Protein backbone atom coordinates (compact mmCIF):
# COMPACT_ATOMS: atom_id res chain seq x y z
CA MET A 1 78.68 168.01 -86.45
CA THR A 2 80.81 168.00 -83.34
CA ALA A 3 80.10 165.79 -80.35
CA GLY A 4 79.37 168.88 -78.29
CA ASN A 5 76.18 169.70 -80.23
CA SER A 6 73.07 168.64 -78.34
CA GLY A 7 69.54 168.22 -79.60
CA LEU A 8 66.83 165.90 -80.88
CA VAL A 9 66.49 164.11 -84.18
CA ILE A 10 62.98 163.08 -85.22
CA VAL A 11 63.47 159.97 -87.34
CA ASP A 12 60.89 158.39 -89.65
CA LYS A 13 61.87 154.83 -88.76
CA PRO A 14 61.64 152.32 -91.61
CA GLY A 15 60.17 148.85 -91.19
CA GLY A 16 62.54 145.98 -90.53
CA MET A 17 64.86 147.92 -88.22
CA THR A 18 64.89 147.88 -84.44
CA SER A 19 64.96 151.14 -82.51
CA HIS A 20 68.47 150.19 -81.41
CA ASP A 21 69.50 149.85 -85.08
CA VAL A 22 68.35 153.43 -85.64
CA VAL A 23 70.30 154.66 -82.61
CA ALA A 24 73.43 152.91 -83.93
CA ARG A 25 73.01 154.69 -87.28
CA ILE A 26 72.55 158.07 -85.59
CA ARG A 27 75.67 157.49 -83.48
CA ARG A 28 77.71 157.16 -86.65
CA LEU A 29 76.13 160.22 -88.23
CA ALA A 30 76.47 162.34 -85.09
CA GLY A 31 80.01 161.22 -84.29
CA THR A 32 79.18 160.43 -80.66
CA ARG A 33 78.07 157.43 -78.63
CA ARG A 34 75.89 159.59 -76.39
CA VAL A 35 72.68 158.86 -78.27
CA GLY A 36 69.39 157.35 -77.09
CA HIS A 37 65.72 157.12 -78.05
CA ALA A 38 62.33 157.76 -76.41
CA GLY A 39 59.67 155.09 -76.84
CA THR A 40 60.65 151.86 -78.58
CA LEU A 41 59.09 150.90 -81.91
CA ASP A 42 58.93 147.23 -82.88
CA PRO A 43 60.83 146.23 -86.06
CA MET A 44 57.61 145.95 -88.12
CA ALA A 45 56.48 149.45 -87.06
CA THR A 46 57.39 152.66 -88.88
CA GLY A 47 57.16 156.34 -88.09
CA VAL A 48 58.19 158.81 -85.41
CA LEU A 49 61.17 157.78 -83.30
CA VAL A 50 62.56 160.58 -81.12
CA VAL A 51 66.34 160.33 -80.81
CA GLY A 52 68.42 162.42 -78.41
CA VAL A 53 72.04 163.42 -78.98
CA GLU A 54 74.44 164.47 -76.21
CA LYS A 55 72.69 166.56 -73.50
CA ALA A 56 69.30 165.92 -75.12
CA THR A 57 69.48 162.28 -73.99
CA ARG A 58 68.51 163.64 -70.57
CA LEU A 59 65.14 164.74 -71.99
CA LEU A 60 64.26 161.28 -73.25
CA GLY A 61 62.91 159.75 -70.05
CA TYR A 62 60.37 162.58 -69.81
CA LEU A 63 59.48 162.50 -73.50
CA THR A 64 58.73 158.77 -73.18
CA LEU A 65 55.86 159.68 -70.83
CA THR A 66 54.04 161.91 -73.33
CA GLU A 67 51.00 160.79 -75.32
CA LYS A 68 51.44 159.13 -78.69
CA GLN A 69 49.40 158.70 -81.87
CA TYR A 70 49.35 155.82 -84.34
CA ASP A 71 47.79 154.67 -87.60
CA ALA A 72 47.19 150.93 -87.43
CA THR A 73 45.65 148.05 -89.34
CA ILE A 74 44.03 145.29 -87.29
CA ARG A 75 43.14 141.94 -88.87
CA LEU A 76 40.03 140.39 -87.38
CA GLY A 77 39.49 136.64 -87.67
CA GLN A 78 42.98 135.54 -86.61
CA SER A 79 44.97 135.64 -83.39
CA THR A 80 48.74 135.22 -83.34
CA SER A 81 51.33 134.23 -80.76
CA THR A 82 52.78 137.76 -80.68
CA ASP A 83 49.55 139.75 -81.29
CA ASP A 84 51.04 141.00 -84.56
CA ALA A 85 51.85 139.71 -88.03
CA GLU A 86 55.30 138.46 -87.01
CA GLY A 87 53.85 135.67 -84.85
CA GLU A 88 52.33 132.29 -85.65
CA ILE A 89 48.57 131.95 -86.13
CA ALA A 90 47.10 130.87 -82.82
CA GLY A 91 43.37 130.61 -83.48
CA GLY A 92 40.50 132.76 -84.60
CA ALA A 93 36.88 132.72 -85.75
CA PRO A 94 35.17 134.06 -88.89
CA ALA A 95 34.92 137.85 -88.85
CA ALA A 96 33.16 138.42 -92.17
CA HIS A 97 29.79 138.96 -90.49
CA THR A 98 31.03 141.57 -88.01
CA THR A 99 28.72 144.57 -88.24
CA ASP A 100 29.57 148.26 -87.99
CA GLU A 101 27.51 148.41 -84.80
CA THR A 102 29.25 145.55 -83.00
CA LEU A 103 32.65 146.89 -84.08
CA ALA A 104 31.80 150.38 -82.83
CA GLU A 105 30.65 148.97 -79.47
CA ALA A 106 33.86 146.93 -79.08
CA VAL A 107 35.94 150.03 -79.85
CA ARG A 108 34.00 152.03 -77.24
CA GLU A 109 34.82 149.37 -74.64
CA LEU A 110 38.51 149.88 -75.37
CA THR A 111 38.43 153.69 -75.24
CA GLY A 112 39.11 155.81 -72.17
CA GLU A 113 40.82 154.61 -69.01
CA ILE A 114 41.21 150.86 -69.36
CA GLN A 115 43.15 147.98 -67.82
CA GLN A 116 45.44 146.42 -70.43
CA VAL A 117 47.46 143.20 -70.19
CA PRO A 118 50.75 143.74 -72.08
CA PRO A 119 51.64 141.26 -74.84
CA ALA A 120 53.52 138.17 -73.68
CA VAL A 121 56.22 139.11 -76.20
CA SER A 122 57.07 142.50 -74.66
CA ALA A 123 60.05 144.08 -72.96
CA ILE A 124 58.40 144.21 -69.53
CA LYS A 125 60.59 142.69 -66.82
CA VAL A 126 59.33 139.76 -64.74
CA ASP A 127 61.63 138.76 -61.89
CA GLY A 128 64.46 140.57 -63.62
CA GLN A 129 63.90 138.90 -67.02
CA ARG A 130 62.27 140.33 -70.14
CA ALA A 131 58.84 138.84 -70.82
CA TYR A 132 59.71 138.12 -74.45
CA ARG A 133 62.75 136.07 -73.42
CA LEU A 134 60.68 133.97 -71.03
CA THR A 135 57.96 133.50 -73.64
CA ARG A 136 60.42 132.41 -76.33
CA ALA A 137 61.98 130.00 -73.83
CA GLY A 138 58.57 128.35 -73.39
CA ALA A 139 57.82 129.89 -69.99
CA ALA A 140 55.40 132.68 -70.91
CA PRO A 141 54.74 134.77 -67.78
CA GLU A 142 51.32 135.81 -66.48
CA LEU A 143 51.42 139.57 -66.88
CA GLU A 144 49.26 141.76 -64.69
CA PRO A 145 46.90 144.30 -66.31
CA ARG A 146 48.05 147.91 -66.15
CA PRO A 147 46.07 151.15 -66.34
CA VAL A 148 46.43 152.99 -69.65
CA THR A 149 44.36 155.67 -71.35
CA VAL A 150 43.12 155.49 -74.92
CA TYR A 151 42.08 159.05 -75.72
CA GLU A 152 40.92 158.25 -79.23
CA PHE A 153 40.25 154.97 -81.06
CA ARG A 154 38.73 155.86 -84.40
CA ILE A 155 37.95 153.43 -87.21
CA THR A 156 38.84 154.90 -90.62
CA ASP A 157 38.24 151.94 -92.97
CA ILE A 158 36.96 148.34 -93.00
CA ARG A 159 37.57 145.90 -95.86
CA PRO A 160 37.63 142.14 -96.52
CA ALA A 161 41.06 140.50 -96.27
CA GLY A 162 40.31 137.03 -97.59
CA GLU A 163 37.73 134.47 -96.59
CA ASN A 164 36.28 135.25 -93.14
CA LEU A 165 38.88 137.96 -92.43
CA LEU A 166 38.46 141.71 -92.07
CA ASP A 167 41.11 144.42 -92.06
CA VAL A 168 40.25 147.42 -89.90
CA ASP A 169 42.21 150.67 -90.22
CA ALA A 170 42.25 152.86 -87.14
CA THR A 171 43.80 155.96 -85.63
CA VAL A 172 44.75 155.61 -81.96
CA ARG A 173 45.83 158.39 -79.59
CA CYS A 174 46.93 157.02 -76.25
CA SER A 175 48.97 157.40 -73.09
CA SER A 176 52.49 156.17 -72.61
CA GLY A 177 52.65 152.44 -71.96
CA THR A 178 49.74 151.53 -74.25
CA TYR A 179 50.41 148.57 -76.55
CA ILE A 180 48.63 148.83 -79.90
CA ARG A 181 49.24 145.09 -80.39
CA ALA A 182 47.29 144.48 -77.20
CA LEU A 183 44.47 146.73 -78.45
CA ALA A 184 44.29 144.62 -81.62
CA ARG A 185 44.24 141.43 -79.55
CA ASP A 186 41.56 142.76 -77.21
CA LEU A 187 39.39 144.08 -80.05
CA GLY A 188 39.38 140.58 -81.55
CA HIS A 189 38.57 139.13 -78.13
CA GLN A 190 35.66 141.54 -77.63
CA LEU A 191 34.22 140.51 -81.00
CA GLY A 192 34.87 136.80 -80.49
CA THR A 193 36.90 136.61 -83.70
CA GLY A 194 40.49 136.98 -82.58
CA GLY A 195 42.63 139.80 -83.89
CA HIS A 196 46.19 140.90 -84.48
CA LEU A 197 48.12 143.92 -85.72
CA THR A 198 49.33 143.87 -89.33
CA ARG A 199 50.52 147.48 -89.75
CA LEU A 200 51.63 150.19 -87.33
CA ARG A 201 52.86 153.69 -88.07
CA ARG A 202 53.51 156.13 -85.24
CA THR A 203 52.51 159.59 -86.36
CA ARG A 204 53.22 161.62 -83.22
CA VAL A 205 55.15 161.55 -79.92
CA GLY A 206 54.07 164.51 -77.78
CA GLY A 207 54.85 167.64 -79.78
CA TYR A 208 56.82 165.84 -82.49
CA GLY A 209 55.01 164.58 -85.59
CA LEU A 210 55.73 163.04 -88.97
CA GLU A 211 55.75 166.51 -90.52
CA GLY A 212 59.08 167.15 -88.80
CA ALA A 213 60.53 163.65 -89.20
CA ARG A 214 63.32 162.74 -91.61
CA THR A 215 64.33 159.41 -93.06
CA LEU A 216 67.74 157.90 -92.40
CA GLU A 217 68.62 158.54 -96.05
CA GLN A 218 67.80 162.25 -95.65
CA LEU A 219 69.82 162.42 -92.44
CA ALA A 220 72.78 160.76 -94.15
CA GLU A 221 72.73 163.52 -96.78
CA ARG A 222 72.38 166.32 -94.25
CA PHE A 223 72.57 165.61 -90.54
CA GLU A 224 71.13 168.25 -88.21
CA VAL A 225 69.63 168.21 -84.73
CA ILE A 226 66.81 170.28 -83.29
CA PRO A 227 68.69 172.48 -80.77
CA LEU A 228 68.08 171.64 -77.14
CA ALA A 229 66.14 174.81 -76.25
CA ARG A 230 63.77 174.49 -79.23
CA ALA A 231 63.37 170.75 -78.70
CA ALA A 232 62.19 171.23 -75.11
CA SER A 233 59.76 174.03 -75.99
CA ALA A 234 57.93 171.73 -78.42
CA ALA A 235 57.33 169.12 -75.72
CA PHE A 236 56.89 170.94 -72.40
CA PRO A 237 55.17 174.04 -71.00
CA ARG A 238 57.58 176.97 -70.88
CA ARG A 239 58.67 179.19 -67.97
CA ASP A 240 60.95 182.19 -68.43
CA LEU A 241 63.32 182.93 -65.55
CA SER A 242 65.05 186.05 -64.36
CA ALA A 243 68.84 186.07 -64.53
CA ASP A 244 69.02 185.47 -60.77
CA GLU A 245 66.57 182.56 -60.89
CA ALA A 246 68.45 181.00 -63.79
CA ARG A 247 71.72 181.30 -61.90
CA ARG A 248 70.28 179.65 -58.77
CA LEU A 249 68.61 176.84 -60.75
CA ALA A 250 71.83 176.15 -62.65
CA HIS A 251 73.32 175.25 -59.26
CA GLY A 252 70.41 173.02 -58.26
CA GLY A 253 68.49 175.56 -56.21
CA ARG A 254 64.71 175.58 -55.98
CA ARG A 255 62.60 178.28 -57.53
CA GLU A 256 59.65 179.78 -55.66
CA ALA A 257 56.24 178.53 -56.71
CA ALA A 258 54.38 180.60 -59.25
CA ALA A 259 52.01 182.10 -56.67
CA GLN A 260 54.95 183.47 -54.69
CA ALA A 261 56.86 185.01 -57.57
CA ALA A 262 57.80 188.62 -57.06
CA GLN A 263 57.18 189.98 -60.52
CA ALA A 264 53.56 189.96 -61.61
CA LYS A 265 54.20 189.25 -65.27
CA GLN A 266 56.54 186.35 -64.61
CA ALA A 267 54.24 185.05 -61.88
CA ALA A 268 51.27 184.92 -64.24
CA GLN A 269 53.29 183.13 -66.89
CA ALA A 270 54.79 180.71 -64.37
CA ALA A 271 51.39 179.99 -62.82
CA GLN A 272 49.92 179.13 -66.21
CA ALA A 273 52.84 176.86 -67.07
CA THR A 274 52.92 175.05 -63.74
CA GLU A 275 49.13 174.70 -63.57
CA ALA A 276 49.10 173.04 -66.98
CA ALA A 277 52.04 170.86 -66.03
CA ALA A 278 50.55 169.83 -62.70
CA ALA A 279 47.32 168.79 -64.43
CA THR A 280 49.17 166.47 -66.79
CA GLY A 281 52.13 165.48 -64.62
CA GLN A 282 54.40 167.14 -67.16
CA PRO A 283 57.62 168.91 -66.27
CA VAL A 284 58.09 172.58 -67.15
CA ALA A 285 61.00 173.74 -69.31
CA ALA A 286 62.73 176.69 -67.64
CA TYR A 287 64.64 179.21 -69.78
CA ALA A 288 67.27 181.84 -69.00
CA PRO A 289 66.84 185.41 -70.34
CA ASP A 290 69.19 184.56 -73.24
CA GLY A 291 66.81 181.76 -74.36
CA SER A 292 68.98 178.85 -73.24
CA LEU A 293 67.39 175.85 -71.52
CA VAL A 294 68.32 175.84 -67.83
CA ALA A 295 66.35 172.90 -66.45
CA LEU A 296 63.19 170.81 -66.40
CA LEU A 297 61.13 171.60 -63.30
CA ALA A 298 58.46 169.75 -61.33
CA GLU A 299 55.99 171.50 -59.03
CA GLN A 300 56.22 169.98 -55.54
CA ASP A 301 55.01 171.28 -52.16
CA GLY A 302 54.62 174.83 -53.43
CA GLN A 303 58.06 174.97 -55.01
CA ALA A 304 59.46 174.24 -58.45
CA ARG A 305 62.07 171.51 -58.04
CA PRO A 306 64.68 170.91 -60.76
CA LEU A 307 64.41 167.43 -62.28
CA VAL A 308 67.25 167.84 -64.77
CA VAL A 309 69.69 170.75 -64.94
CA PHE A 310 71.23 171.48 -68.34
CA ALA A 311 73.07 174.73 -67.70
CA GLY A 312 76.76 174.05 -67.17
CA SER A 313 76.34 170.27 -67.59
């Protein structure tokens, strides 16, 4: 491909690689350094990593904010220093006698809008320094709890994992900023057993799922991107513009709010898109009559304000 081609690549990240390692591989395959990713996956985690090439890198900050879905395995009976299997064992209590009822109650307590303390070994900045660097230097910071939403926390299997240990498989659908490691830790805390994450596979980021993901080996054989216009339509509500509106937005102008639109058909479509977007805080993808992506819009004070303009950039 040429460096001028813009779009997304949905990678099925293998275990043992950092998200940055994947970006470096895509840079070589795409022939450009203008590559980034939305939503970091830890080295032990696998699954959906959304990678942007060229202009599509400007979508990534907004894609990071979309909801995500994971398949996870949580080991009850052991806590670790990192809240996952890569850390050192840091305590625990027998979990073999945990009942389905007590487990279900603990899961309910961790579902919905909750306050979550991020793992000490995380990339959150504290006084300008990453928490994981401070922790590894022996000065683990006290991280404040943050509001996150766990839309679904569903147990799919429970099985013994050695003496006094239980492995719990779960599907989690959650808001941006939710740490599955922290959910594993907190589930163990709720049960009084300790807990940590032993397996994590991300199955969806917004509108992009494993069904559309490709391995690095597949991409090395045939490298293609999802074109910018199609990539945005899978992630954001859509608004179709008139030629005049597209021209004004391409130069940074504001577009009238949906309720003030002149043409009834476009107004109805715009109202539906912006109403859905306002309810979720999502931007709207605005398209020119030829189907090209013009901009991402945000509804503000009765007008649609361009967040990112792609036309001509």
